[in-house]
Amino acid sequence: NVTAAPAADPESVRRLLVEQVMGRVRWRESI
């Protein structure tokens, strides 16, 4: 959501899920 880019590393996923709570949902950019 917060980068509109692929992530696969578990530690990156953990960090991005925390950032996601405050961060913008970049759905248009993701699609």
Full PDB file with SEQRES, HELIX, SHEET, SSBOND, CRYST1, ORIGX, SCALE, CONECT and MASTER records, all heavy atoms in Angstrom:
SEQRES   1 A   31  ASN VAL THR ALA ALA PRO ALA ALA ASP PRO GLU SER VAL          
SEQRES   2 A   31  ARG ARG LEU LEU VAL GLU GLN VAL MET GLY ARG VAL ARG          
SEQRES   3 A   31  TRP ARG GLU SER ILE                                          
HELIX    1 AA1 PRO A   10  MET A   22  1                                  13    
HELIX    2 AA2 TRP A   27  SER A   30  1                                   4    
CRYST1    1.000    1.000    1.000  90.00  90.00  90.00 P 1           1          
ORIGX1      1.000000  0.000000  0.000000        0.00000                         
ORIGX2      0.000000  1.000000  0.000000        0.00000                         
ORIGX3      0.000000  0.000000  1.000000        0.00000                         
SCALE1      1.000000  0.000000  0.000000        0.00000                         
SCALE2      0.000000  1.000000  0.000000        0.00000                         
SCALE3      0.000000  0.000000  1.000000        0.00000                         
ATOM      1  N   ASN A   1       0.810  -1.229   0.000  1.00  0.00           N  
ATOM      2  CA  ASN A   1       0.000   0.000   0.000  1.00  0.00           C  
ATOM      3  C   ASN A   1       0.835   1.267   0.000  1.00  0.00           C  
ATOM      4  O   ASN A   1       0.552   2.219  -0.726  1.00  0.00           O  
ATOM      5  CB  ASN A   1      -0.881   0.045   1.246  1.00  0.00           C  
ATOM      6  CG  ASN A   1      -2.182  -0.724   1.108  1.00  0.00           C  
ATOM      7  OD1 ASN A   1      -3.074  -0.589   1.931  1.00  0.00           O  
ATOM      8  ND2 ASN A   1      -2.320  -1.553   0.074  1.00  0.00           N  
ATOM      9  N   VAL A   2       1.848   1.318   0.869  1.00  0.00           N  
ATOM     10  CA  VAL A   2       2.538   2.590   1.108  1.00  0.00           C  
ATOM     11  C   VAL A   2       3.615   2.909   0.085  1.00  0.00           C  
ATOM     12  O   VAL A   2       4.088   4.037   0.021  1.00  0.00           O  
ATOM     13  CB  VAL A   2       3.141   2.671   2.533  1.00  0.00           C  
ATOM     14  CG1 VAL A   2       2.046   2.701   3.570  1.00  0.00           C  
ATOM     15  CG2 VAL A   2       4.104   1.535   2.797  1.00  0.00           C  
ATOM     16  N   THR A   3       3.983   1.917  -0.733  1.00  0.00           N  
ATOM     17  CA  THR A   3       5.004   2.155  -1.762  1.00  0.00           C  
ATOM     18  C   THR A   3       4.470   1.961  -3.180  1.00  0.00           C  
ATOM     19  O   THR A   3       5.096   2.433  -4.134  1.00  0.00           O  
ATOM     20  CB  THR A   3       6.195   1.197  -1.575  1.00  0.00           C  
ATOM     21  OG1 THR A   3       5.712  -0.158  -1.684  1.00  0.00           O  
ATOM     22  CG2 THR A   3       6.862   1.388  -0.225  1.00  0.00           C  
ATOM     23  N   ALA A   4       3.348   1.267  -3.332  1.00  0.00           N  
ATOM     24  CA  ALA A   4       2.823   0.889  -4.655  1.00  0.00           C  
ATOM     25  C   ALA A   4       3.876   0.104  -5.440  1.00  0.00           C  
ATOM     26  O   ALA A   4       3.944   0.179  -6.661  1.00  0.00           O  
ATOM     27  CB  ALA A   4       2.358   2.118  -5.445  1.00  0.00           C  
ATOM     28  N   ALA A   5       4.696  -0.663  -4.714  1.00  0.00           N  
ATOM     29  CA  ALA A   5       5.775  -1.439  -5.325  1.00  0.00           C  
ATOM     30  C   ALA A   5       5.820  -2.823  -4.678  1.00  0.00           C  
ATOM     31  O   ALA A   5       5.379  -3.003  -3.544  1.00  0.00           O  
ATOM     32  CB  ALA A   5       7.110  -0.725  -5.143  1.00  0.00           C  
ATOM     33  N   PRO A   6       6.374  -3.813  -5.401  1.00  0.00           N  
ATOM     34  CA  PRO A   6       6.435  -5.162  -4.833  1.00  0.00           C  
ATOM     35  C   PRO A   6       7.367  -5.253  -3.632  1.00  0.00           C  
ATOM     36  O   PRO A   6       8.404  -4.583  -3.573  1.00  0.00           O  
ATOM     37  CB  PRO A   6       6.979  -6.002  -6.001  1.00  0.00           C  
ATOM     38  CG  PRO A   6       6.735  -5.190  -7.234  1.00  0.00           C  
ATOM     39  CD  PRO A   6       6.851  -3.767  -6.803  1.00  0.00           C  
ATOM     40  N   ALA A   7       6.969  -6.104  -2.674  1.00  0.00           N  
ATOM     41  CA  ALA A   7       7.814  -6.430  -1.515  1.00  0.00           C  
ATOM     42  C   ALA A   7       7.705  -7.929  -1.287  1.00  0.00           C  
ATOM     43  O   ALA A   7       6.631  -8.506  -1.432  1.00  0.00           O  
ATOM     44  CB  ALA A   7       7.357  -5.669  -0.277  1.00  0.00           C  
ATOM     45  N   ALA A   8       8.822  -8.553  -0.939  1.00  0.00           N  
ATOM     46  CA  ALA A   8       8.800  -9.993  -0.709  1.00  0.00           C  
ATOM     47  C   ALA A   8       9.566 -10.397   0.549  1.00  0.00           C  
ATOM     48  O   ALA A   8       9.308 -11.453   1.120  1.00  0.00           O  
ATOM     49  CB  ALA A   8       9.375 -10.734  -1.919  1.00  0.00           C  
ATOM     50  N   ASP A   9      10.505  -9.573   0.985  1.00  0.00           N  
ATOM     51  CA  ASP A   9      11.291  -9.886   2.171  1.00  0.00           C  
ATOM     52  C   ASP A   9      10.436  -9.738   3.431  1.00  0.00           C  
ATOM     53  O   ASP A   9       9.820  -8.686   3.644  1.00  0.00           O  
ATOM     54  CB  ASP A   9      12.490  -8.926   2.244  1.00  0.00           C  
ATOM     55  CG  ASP A   9      13.221  -9.037   3.562  1.00  0.00           C  
ATOM     56  OD1 ASP A   9      13.766 -10.116   3.831  1.00  0.00           O  
ATOM     57  OD2 ASP A   9      13.214  -8.050   4.330  1.00  0.00           O  
ATOM     58  N   PRO A  10      10.365 -10.761   4.273  1.00  0.00           N  
ATOM     59  CA  PRO A  10       9.494 -10.688   5.456  1.00  0.00           C  
ATOM     60  C   PRO A  10       9.745  -9.469   6.344  1.00  0.00           C  
ATOM     61  O   PRO A  10       8.795  -8.872   6.858  1.00  0.00           O  
ATOM     62  CB  PRO A  10       9.800 -11.998   6.187  1.00  0.00           C  
ATOM     63  CG  PRO A  10      10.155 -12.955   5.093  1.00  0.00           C  
ATOM     64  CD  PRO A  10      10.932 -12.129   4.109  1.00  0.00           C  
ATOM     65  N   GLU A  11      11.006  -9.080   6.527  1.00  0.00           N  
ATOM     66  CA  GLU A  11      11.267  -7.918   7.388  1.00  0.00           C  
ATOM     67  C   GLU A  11      10.794  -6.628   6.735  1.00  0.00           C  
ATOM     68  O   GLU A  11      10.337  -5.705   7.407  1.00  0.00           O  
ATOM     69  CB  GLU A  11      12.749  -7.845   7.761  1.00  0.00           C  
ATOM     70  CG  GLU A  11      13.184  -8.960   8.704  1.00  0.00           C  
ATOM     71  CD  GLU A  11      12.220  -9.164   9.874  1.00  0.00           C  
ATOM     72  OE1 GLU A  11      11.890  -8.173  10.568  1.00  0.00           O  
ATOM     73  OE2 GLU A  11      11.774 -10.307  10.085  1.00  0.00           O  
ATOM     74  N   SER A  12      10.893  -6.547   5.407  1.00  0.00           N  
ATOM     75  CA  SER A  12      10.351  -5.380   4.699  1.00  0.00           C  
ATOM     76  C   SER A  12       8.834  -5.333   4.849  1.00  0.00           C  
ATOM     77  O   SER A  12       8.253  -4.270   5.065  1.00  0.00           O  
ATOM     78  CB  SER A  12      10.715  -5.441   3.209  1.00  0.00           C  
ATOM     79  OG  SER A  12      12.105  -5.367   3.036  1.00  0.00           O  
ATOM     80  N   VAL A  13       8.201  -6.495   4.741  1.00  0.00           N  
ATOM     81  CA  VAL A  13       6.744  -6.565   4.895  1.00  0.00           C  
ATOM     82  C   VAL A  13       6.332  -6.099   6.287  1.00  0.00           C  
ATOM     83  O   VAL A  13       5.381  -5.324   6.448  1.00  0.00           O  
ATOM     84  CB  VAL A  13       6.247  -8.004   4.623  1.00  0.00           C  
ATOM     85  CG1 VAL A  13       4.801  -8.179   5.060  1.00  0.00           C  
ATOM     86  CG2 VAL A  13       6.411  -8.343   3.141  1.00  0.00           C  
ATOM     87  N   ARG A  14       7.061  -6.528   7.306  1.00  0.00           N  
ATOM     88  CA  ARG A  14       6.757  -6.132   8.685  1.00  0.00           C  
ATOM     89  C   ARG A  14       6.820  -4.601   8.820  1.00  0.00           C  
ATOM     90  O   ARG A  14       5.916  -3.965   9.366  1.00  0.00           O  
ATOM     91  CB  ARG A  14       7.758  -6.784   9.642  1.00  0.00           C  
ATOM     92  CG  ARG A  14       7.344  -6.748  11.099  1.00  0.00           C  
ATOM     93  CD  ARG A  14       8.472  -7.234  12.023  1.00  0.00           C  
ATOM     94  NE  ARG A  14       9.065  -8.488  11.597  1.00  0.00           N  
ATOM     95  CZ  ARG A  14       8.595  -9.697  11.927  1.00  0.00           C  
ATOM     96  NH1 ARG A  14       7.522  -9.794  12.689  1.00  0.00           N  
ATOM     97  NH2 ARG A  14       9.202 -10.795  11.496  1.00  0.00           N  
ATOM     98  N   ARG A  15       7.878  -4.004   8.289  1.00  0.00           N  
ATOM     99  CA  ARG A  15       8.056  -2.546   8.374  1.00  0.00           C  
ATOM    100  C   ARG A  15       6.961  -1.815   7.607  1.00  0.00           C  
ATOM    101  O   ARG A  15       6.404  -0.819   8.090  1.00  0.00           O  
ATOM    102  CB  ARG A  15       9.436  -2.176   7.812  1.00  0.00           C  
ATOM    103  CG  ARG A  15       9.698  -0.686   7.708  1.00  0.00           C  
ATOM    104  CD  ARG A  15      11.116  -0.413   7.220  1.00  0.00           C  
ATOM    105  NE  ARG A  15      11.441  -1.100   5.983  1.00  0.00           N  
ATOM    106  CZ  ARG A  15      11.058  -0.691   4.771  1.00  0.00           C  
ATOM    107  NH1 ARG A  15      10.311   0.403   4.649  1.00  0.00           N  
ATOM    108  NH2 ARG A  15      11.403  -1.368   3.689  1.00  0.00           N  
ATOM    109  N   LEU A  16       6.617  -2.310   6.428  1.00  0.00           N  
ATOM    110  CA  LEU A  16       5.601  -1.651   5.599  1.00  0.00           C  
ATOM    111  C   LEU A  16       4.216  -1.723   6.232  1.00  0.00           C  
ATOM    112  O   LEU A  16       3.421  -0.792   6.109  1.00  0.00           O  
ATOM    113  CB  LEU A  16       5.583  -2.280   4.200  1.00  0.00           C  
ATOM    114  CG  LEU A  16       6.830  -1.993   3.351  1.00  0.00           C  
ATOM    115  CD1 LEU A  16       6.871  -2.912   2.142  1.00  0.00           C  
ATOM    116  CD2 LEU A  16       6.890  -0.533   2.923  1.00  0.00           C  
ATOM    117  N   LEU A  17       3.932  -2.806   6.953  1.00  0.00           N  
ATOM    118  CA  LEU A  17       2.638  -2.913   7.641  1.00  0.00           C  
ATOM    119  C   LEU A  17       2.521  -1.901   8.775  1.00  0.00           C  
ATOM    120  O   LEU A  17       1.434  -1.389   9.044  1.00  0.00           O  
ATOM    121  CB  LEU A  17       2.434  -4.330   8.179  1.00  0.00           C  
ATOM    122  CG  LEU A  17       2.102  -5.403   7.144  1.00  0.00           C  
ATOM    123  CD1 LEU A  17       2.069  -6.776   7.801  1.00  0.00           C  
ATOM    124  CD2 LEU A  17       0.792  -5.119   6.419  1.00  0.00           C  
ATOM    125  N   VAL A  18       3.630  -1.608   9.424  1.00  0.00           N  
ATOM    126  CA  VAL A  18       3.611  -0.579  10.473  1.00  0.00           C  
ATOM    127  C   VAL A  18       3.423   0.799   9.822  1.00  0.00           C  
ATOM    128  O   VAL A  18       2.594   1.606  10.266  1.00  0.00           O  
ATOM    129  CB  VAL A  18       4.910  -0.623  11.307  1.00  0.00           C  
ATOM    130  CG1 VAL A  18       4.946   0.549  12.294  1.00  0.00           C  
ATOM    131  CG2 VAL A  18       5.015  -1.946  12.057  1.00  0.00           C  
ATOM    132  N   GLU A  19       4.183   1.066   8.759  1.00  0.00           N  
ATOM    133  CA  GLU A  19       4.070   2.357   8.067  1.00  0.00           C  
ATOM    134  C   GLU A  19       2.667   2.575   7.512  1.00  0.00           C  
ATOM    135  O   GLU A  19       2.171   3.703   7.458  1.00  0.00           O  
ATOM    136  CB  GLU A  19       5.090   2.429   6.928  1.00  0.00           C  
ATOM    137  CG  GLU A  19       6.532   2.524   7.391  1.00  0.00           C  
ATOM    138  CD  GLU A  19       7.508   2.554   6.220  1.00  0.00           C  
ATOM    139  OE1 GLU A  19       7.060   2.707   5.061  1.00  0.00           O  
ATOM    140  OE2 GLU A  19       8.719   2.415   6.461  1.00  0.00           O  
ATOM    141  N   GLN A  20       2.031   1.486   7.128  1.00  0.00           N  
ATOM    142  CA  GLN A  20       0.710   1.560   6.487  1.00  0.00           C  
ATOM    143  C   GLN A  20      -0.352   2.182   7.386  1.00  0.00           C  
ATOM    144  O   GLN A  20      -1.290   2.820   6.910  1.00  0.00           O  
ATOM    145  CB  GLN A  20       0.311   0.126   6.083  1.00  0.00           C  
ATOM    146  CG  GLN A  20      -0.947   0.000   5.285  1.00  0.00           C  
ATOM    147  CD  GLN A  20      -1.802  -1.127   5.809  1.00  0.00           C  
ATOM    148  OE1 GLN A  20      -2.217  -1.128   6.955  1.00  0.00           O  
ATOM    149  NE2 GLN A  20      -2.052  -2.104   4.953  1.00  0.00           N  
ATOM    150  N   VAL A  21      -0.221   2.039   8.711  1.00  0.00           N  
ATOM    151  CA  VAL A  21      -1.246   2.550   9.634  1.00  0.00           C  
ATOM    152  C   VAL A  21      -1.378   4.065   9.508  1.00  0.00           C  
ATOM    153  O   VAL A  21      -2.481   4.611   9.528  1.00  0.00           O  
ATOM    154  CB  VAL A  21      -0.914   2.156  11.089  1.00  0.00           C  
ATOM    155  CG1 VAL A  21      -1.957   2.733  12.053  1.00  0.00           C  
ATOM    156  CG2 VAL A  21      -0.851   0.641  11.241  1.00  0.00           C  
ATOM    157  N   MET A  22      -0.249   4.752   9.364  1.00  0.00           N  
ATOM    158  CA  MET A  22      -0.245   6.208   9.235  1.00  0.00           C  
ATOM    159  C   MET A  22      -0.126   6.668   7.785  1.00  0.00           C  
ATOM    160  O   MET A  22      -0.425   7.814   7.475  1.00  0.00           O  
ATOM    161  CB  MET A  22       0.932   6.808  10.025  1.00  0.00           C  
ATOM    162  CG  MET A  22       0.833   6.628  11.518  1.00  0.00           C  
ATOM    163  SD  MET A  22       2.396   7.023  12.356  1.00  0.00           S  
ATOM    164  CE  MET A  22       2.666   8.713  11.851  1.00  0.00           C  
ATOM    165  N   GLY A  23       0.336   5.784   6.911  1.00  0.00           N  
ATOM    166  CA  GLY A  23       0.666   6.173   5.549  1.00  0.00           C  
ATOM    167  C   GLY A  23      -0.521   6.157   4.599  1.00  0.00           C  
ATOM    168  O   GLY A  23      -1.570   5.583   4.885  1.00  0.00           O  
ATOM    169  N   ARG A  24      -0.317   6.781   3.452  1.00  0.00           N  
ATOM    170  CA  ARG A  24      -1.360   6.857   2.429  1.00  0.00           C  
ATOM    171  C   ARG A  24      -1.518   5.507   1.723  1.00  0.00           C  
ATOM    172  O   ARG A  24      -0.534   4.837   1.431  1.00  0.00           O  
ATOM    173  CB  ARG A  24      -0.983   7.931   1.396  1.00  0.00           C  
ATOM    174  CG  ARG A  24      -2.043   8.163   0.340  1.00  0.00           C  
ATOM    175  CD  ARG A  24      -1.704   9.383  -0.494  1.00  0.00           C  
ATOM    176  NE  ARG A  24      -0.639   9.137  -1.453  1.00  0.00           N  
ATOM    177  CZ  ARG A  24       0.509   9.774  -1.488  1.00  0.00           C  
ATOM    178  NH1 ARG A  24       0.798  10.681  -0.576  1.00  0.00           N  
ATOM    179  NH2 ARG A  24       1.410   9.504  -2.407  1.00  0.00           N  
ATOM    180  N   VAL A  25      -2.759   5.126   1.467  1.00  0.00           N  
ATOM    181  CA  VAL A  25      -3.049   3.942   0.657  1.00  0.00           C  
ATOM    182  C   VAL A  25      -2.939   4.359  -0.812  1.00  0.00           C  
ATOM    183  O   VAL A  25      -3.786   5.081  -1.330  1.00  0.00           O  
ATOM    184  CB  VAL A  25      -4.453   3.384   0.955  1.00  0.00           C  
ATOM    185  CG1 VAL A  25      -4.756   2.191   0.047  1.00  0.00           C  
ATOM    186  CG2 VAL A  25      -4.564   2.971   2.416  1.00  0.00           C  
ATOM    187  N   ARG A  26      -1.894   3.888  -1.467  1.00  0.00           N  
ATOM    188  CA  ARG A  26      -1.612   4.314  -2.851  1.00  0.00           C  
ATOM    189  C   ARG A  26      -2.225   3.310  -3.841  1.00  0.00           C  
ATOM    190  O   ARG A  26      -1.529   2.674  -4.630  1.00  0.00           O  
ATOM    191  CB  ARG A  26      -0.099   4.455  -3.030  1.00  0.00           C  
ATOM    192  CG  ARG A  26       0.478   5.559  -2.147  1.00  0.00           C  
ATOM    193  CD  ARG A  26       1.988   5.560  -2.099  1.00  0.00           C  
ATOM    194  NE  ARG A  26       2.598   5.834  -3.395  1.00  0.00           N  
ATOM    195  CZ  ARG A  26       3.907   5.955  -3.577  1.00  0.00           C  
ATOM    196  NH1 ARG A  26       4.738   5.841  -2.545  1.00  0.00           N  
ATOM    197  NH2 ARG A  26       4.389   6.191  -4.784  1.00  0.00           N  
ATOM    198  N   TRP A  27      -3.542   3.194  -3.790  1.00  0.00           N  
ATOM    199  CA  TRP A  27      -4.213   2.170  -4.598  1.00  0.00           C  
ATOM    200  C   TRP A  27      -4.174   2.517  -6.088  1.00  0.00           C  
ATOM    201  O   TRP A  27      -3.908   1.651  -6.921  1.00  0.00           O  
ATOM    202  CB  TRP A  27      -5.650   1.982  -4.122  1.00  0.00           C  
ATOM    203  CG  TRP A  27      -6.273   0.780  -4.748  1.00  0.00           C  
ATOM    204  CD1 TRP A  27      -7.200   0.739  -5.737  1.00  0.00           C  
ATOM    205  CD2 TRP A  27      -5.951  -0.590  -4.452  1.00  0.00           C  
ATOM    206  NE1 TRP A  27      -7.486  -0.559  -6.072  1.00  0.00           N  
ATOM    207  CE2 TRP A  27      -6.722  -1.399  -5.294  1.00  0.00           C  
ATOM    208  CE3 TRP A  27      -5.075  -1.197  -3.548  1.00  0.00           C  
ATOM    209  CZ2 TRP A  27      -6.665  -2.783  -5.274  1.00  0.00           C  
ATOM    210  CZ3 TRP A  27      -5.009  -2.582  -3.517  1.00  0.00           C  
ATOM    211  CH2 TRP A  27      -5.799  -3.360  -4.376  1.00  0.00           C  
ATOM    212  N   ARG A  28      -4.442   3.770  -6.438  1.00  0.00           N  
ATOM    213  CA  ARG A  28      -4.416   4.164  -7.853  1.00  0.00           C  
ATOM    214  C   ARG A  28      -3.035   3.878  -8.455  1.00  0.00           C  
ATOM    215  O   ARG A  28      -2.935   3.301  -9.546  1.00  0.00           O  
ATOM    216  CB  ARG A  28      -4.759   5.646  -7.995  1.00  0.00           C  
ATOM    217  CG  ARG A  28      -4.671   6.181  -9.430  1.00  0.00           C  
ATOM    218  CD  ARG A  28      -4.892   7.688  -9.488  1.00  0.00           C  
ATOM    219  NE  ARG A  28      -3.944   8.421  -8.659  1.00  0.00           N  
ATOM    220  CZ  ARG A  28      -2.699   8.733  -9.034  1.00  0.00           C  
ATOM    221  NH1 ARG A  28      -2.241   8.376 -10.221  1.00  0.00           N  
ATOM    222  NH2 ARG A  28      -1.911   9.402  -8.207  1.00  0.00           N  
ATOM    223  N   GLU A  29      -2.001   4.234  -7.734  1.00  0.00           N  
ATOM    224  CA  GLU A  29      -0.643   3.995  -8.242  1.00  0.00           C  
ATOM    225  C   GLU A  29      -0.333   2.504  -8.335  1.00  0.00           C  
ATOM    226  O   GLU A  29       0.365   2.062  -9.262  1.00  0.00           O  
ATOM    227  CB  GLU A  29       0.380   4.672  -7.328  1.00  0.00           C  
ATOM    228  CG  GLU A  29       0.349   6.189  -7.360  1.00  0.00           C  
ATOM    229  CD  GLU A  29       1.289   6.774  -6.328  1.00  0.00           C  
ATOM    230  OE1 GLU A  29       2.498   6.837  -6.606  1.00  0.00           O  
ATOM    231  OE2 GLU A  29       0.808   7.145  -5.233  1.00  0.00           O  
ATOM    232  N   SER A  30      -0.833   1.729  -7.375  1.00  0.00           N  
ATOM    233  CA  SER A  30      -0.589   0.286  -7.395  1.00  0.00           C  
ATOM    234  C   SER A  30      -1.182  -0.352  -8.641  1.00  0.00           C  
ATOM    235  O   SER A  30      -0.531  -1.165  -9.320  1.00  0.00           O  
ATOM    236  CB  SER A  30      -1.190  -0.370  -6.141  1.00  0.00           C  
ATOM    237  OG  SER A  30      -0.563   0.103  -4.972  1.00  0.00           O  
ATOM    238  N   ILE A  31      -2.426   0.015  -8.954  1.00  0.00           N  
ATOM    239  CA  ILE A  31      -3.076  -0.562 -10.135  1.00  0.00           C  
ATOM    240  C   ILE A  31      -2.428  -0.028 -11.418  1.00  0.00           C  
ATOM    241  O   ILE A  31      -2.226  -0.778 -12.386  1.00  0.00           O  
ATOM    242  CB  ILE A  31      -4.594  -0.268 -10.114  1.00  0.00           C  
ATOM    243  CG1 ILE A  31      -5.243  -0.917  -8.884  1.00  0.00           C  
ATOM    244  CG2 ILE A  31      -5.254  -0.767 -11.397  1.00  0.00           C  
ATOM    245  CD1 ILE A  31      -5.027  -2.409  -8.738  1.00  0.00           C  
TER     246      ILE A  31                                                      
MASTER        0    0    0    2    0    0    0    6  245    1    0    3          
END                                                                             
